[in-house]
Amino acid sequence: MSSTAILILAAGMGSRYGGPKLIEPVGYGGEKILDFSIYDAHRAGFGRIILVIRKDMEHRVKELVAERFGKHYPVEFVFQELADLPPGFQPPAGRVRPWGTTHAILAAANATAVVEVA
């Protein structure tokens, strides 16, 4: 199995969609978008999966991923936090939500603790 990792950005609020779309059932058999993403990543040769999530989604996402993939693929979690900023930068006063894609990638790049699914 390849050690190449795919980074799946799953910390989005899904505000336009109406909820966390990666974990909502969309397939005929109740498959979730995350199921399709991980399946396709594995078939493309990725050997590890890294999911960027928010702390408040931790239990729900870990439960789903552990149940469906934890025994088959190395899955790791990184938490996107508002404070994940380059040195010398601070979020503006009143900002409570993390930013988008670039911020999620930065959170993964700067992660000091990656949590693995047991």
Protein backbone atom coordinates (compact mmCIF):
# COMPACT_ATOMS: atom_id res chain seq x y z
CA MET A 1 0.00 0.00 0.00
CA SER A 2 1.29 3.45 -0.93
CA SER A 3 2.28 5.89 1.79
CA THR A 4 0.92 8.73 -0.34
CA ALA A 5 -1.79 10.53 1.61
CA ILE A 6 -4.89 12.26 0.37
CA LEU A 7 -6.03 15.30 2.31
CA ILE A 8 -9.82 15.52 2.52
CA LEU A 9 -11.13 18.86 3.70
CA ALA A 10 -14.18 18.04 5.80
CA ALA A 11 -14.32 20.97 8.21
CA GLY A 12 -16.74 23.05 6.14
CA MET A 13 -19.96 24.18 7.73
CA GLY A 14 -21.96 23.39 4.58
CA SER A 15 -23.93 26.60 5.09
CA ARG A 16 -25.11 26.80 1.47
CA TYR A 17 -25.92 23.08 1.48
CA GLY A 18 -27.65 23.17 4.87
CA GLY A 19 -25.28 20.94 6.85
CA PRO A 20 -22.06 18.93 6.71
CA LYS A 21 -22.46 17.51 3.20
CA LEU A 22 -19.57 15.02 3.35
CA ILE A 23 -21.40 12.90 5.90
CA GLU A 24 -24.93 13.16 4.50
CA PRO A 25 -26.35 10.10 2.70
CA VAL A 26 -26.51 10.65 -1.08
CA GLY A 27 -26.25 7.16 -2.60
CA TYR A 28 -28.99 4.61 -3.18
CA GLY A 29 -27.60 2.49 -0.34
CA GLY A 30 -27.10 5.43 2.04
CA GLU A 31 -23.51 6.04 0.91
CA LYS A 32 -22.06 9.38 1.86
CA ILE A 33 -19.90 11.67 -0.26
CA LEU A 34 -17.06 10.80 2.09
CA ASP A 35 -17.54 7.10 1.25
CA PHE A 36 -17.12 7.82 -2.45
CA SER A 37 -14.10 10.09 -1.83
CA ILE A 38 -12.25 7.50 0.25
CA TYR A 39 -13.12 4.64 -2.10
CA ASP A 40 -11.90 6.62 -5.14
CA ALA A 41 -8.74 7.70 -3.32
CA HIS A 42 -7.90 4.11 -2.47
CA ARG A 43 -8.50 2.96 -6.06
CA ALA A 44 -6.26 5.81 -7.29
CA GLY A 45 -3.40 4.49 -5.14
CA PHE A 46 -3.56 6.65 -2.04
CA GLY A 47 -2.54 4.62 0.99
CA ARG A 48 -3.41 7.04 3.77
CA ILE A 49 -6.33 9.34 4.38
CA ILE A 50 -6.04 12.58 6.30
CA LEU A 51 -9.29 14.34 7.17
CA VAL A 52 -9.37 17.96 8.26
CA ILE A 53 -12.36 18.38 10.56
CA ARG A 54 -13.67 20.73 13.23
CA LYS A 55 -13.55 19.70 16.87
CA ASP A 56 -17.35 19.87 17.12
CA MET A 57 -17.65 17.25 14.33
CA GLU A 58 -15.06 14.91 15.82
CA HIS A 59 -17.33 12.28 17.37
CA ARG A 60 -19.72 12.06 14.41
CA VAL A 61 -17.03 11.87 11.73
CA LYS A 62 -14.75 9.51 13.66
CA GLU A 63 -17.66 7.16 14.33
CA LEU A 64 -18.60 7.11 10.65
CA VAL A 65 -15.04 6.68 9.39
CA ALA A 66 -14.05 4.09 11.99
CA GLU A 67 -17.17 2.04 11.20
CA ARG A 68 -16.69 2.13 7.44
CA PHE A 69 -12.93 2.43 6.88
CA GLY A 70 -10.94 2.20 10.11
CA LYS A 71 -10.07 -1.47 9.67
CA HIS A 72 -9.11 -1.11 6.01
CA TYR A 73 -7.23 2.18 5.64
CA PRO A 74 -4.94 4.27 7.82
CA VAL A 75 -7.13 7.30 8.60
CA GLU A 76 -5.85 10.34 10.45
CA PHE A 77 -7.64 13.45 11.70
CA VAL A 78 -6.44 17.03 11.90
CA PHE A 79 -8.51 19.73 13.58
CA GLN A 80 -8.97 23.08 11.86
CA GLU A 81 -8.91 25.75 14.53
CA LEU A 82 -9.33 29.50 14.18
CA ALA A 83 -5.87 30.00 15.67
CA ASP A 84 -4.13 27.97 12.92
CA LEU A 85 -2.43 31.01 11.42
CA PRO A 86 1.15 31.83 10.41
CA PRO A 87 3.36 33.25 13.16
CA GLY A 88 2.59 36.88 13.89
CA PHE A 89 -1.00 36.72 12.64
CA GLN A 90 -4.13 36.79 14.76
CA PRO A 91 -7.77 36.46 13.77
CA PRO A 92 -9.68 39.74 13.60
CA ALA A 93 -11.69 40.71 16.66
CA GLY A 94 -15.05 38.99 16.62
CA ARG A 95 -14.06 36.28 14.14
CA VAL A 96 -15.40 32.92 15.37
CA ARG A 97 -15.29 30.68 12.28
CA PRO A 98 -12.19 29.32 10.53
CA TRP A 99 -11.54 30.42 6.95
CA GLY A 100 -11.82 28.20 3.86
CA THR A 101 -9.61 25.89 1.82
CA THR A 102 -6.22 27.53 2.28
CA HIS A 103 -6.76 27.79 6.03
CA ALA A 104 -7.68 24.08 6.20
CA ILE A 105 -4.51 23.11 4.34
CA LEU A 106 -2.48 25.35 6.63
CA ALA A 107 -4.05 23.63 9.65
CA ALA A 108 -3.01 20.25 8.28
CA ALA A 109 0.52 21.43 7.47
CA ASN A 110 1.00 22.83 10.96
CA ALA A 111 -0.65 20.00 12.85
CA THR A 112 1.33 18.93 15.88
CA ALA A 113 -1.05 16.18 16.95
CA VAL A 114 -2.65 13.91 14.41
CA VAL A 115 -5.23 11.55 15.86
CA GLU A 116 -5.56 8.08 14.33
CA VAL A 117 -8.69 5.96 14.18
CA ALA A 118 -8.31 2.86 16.33
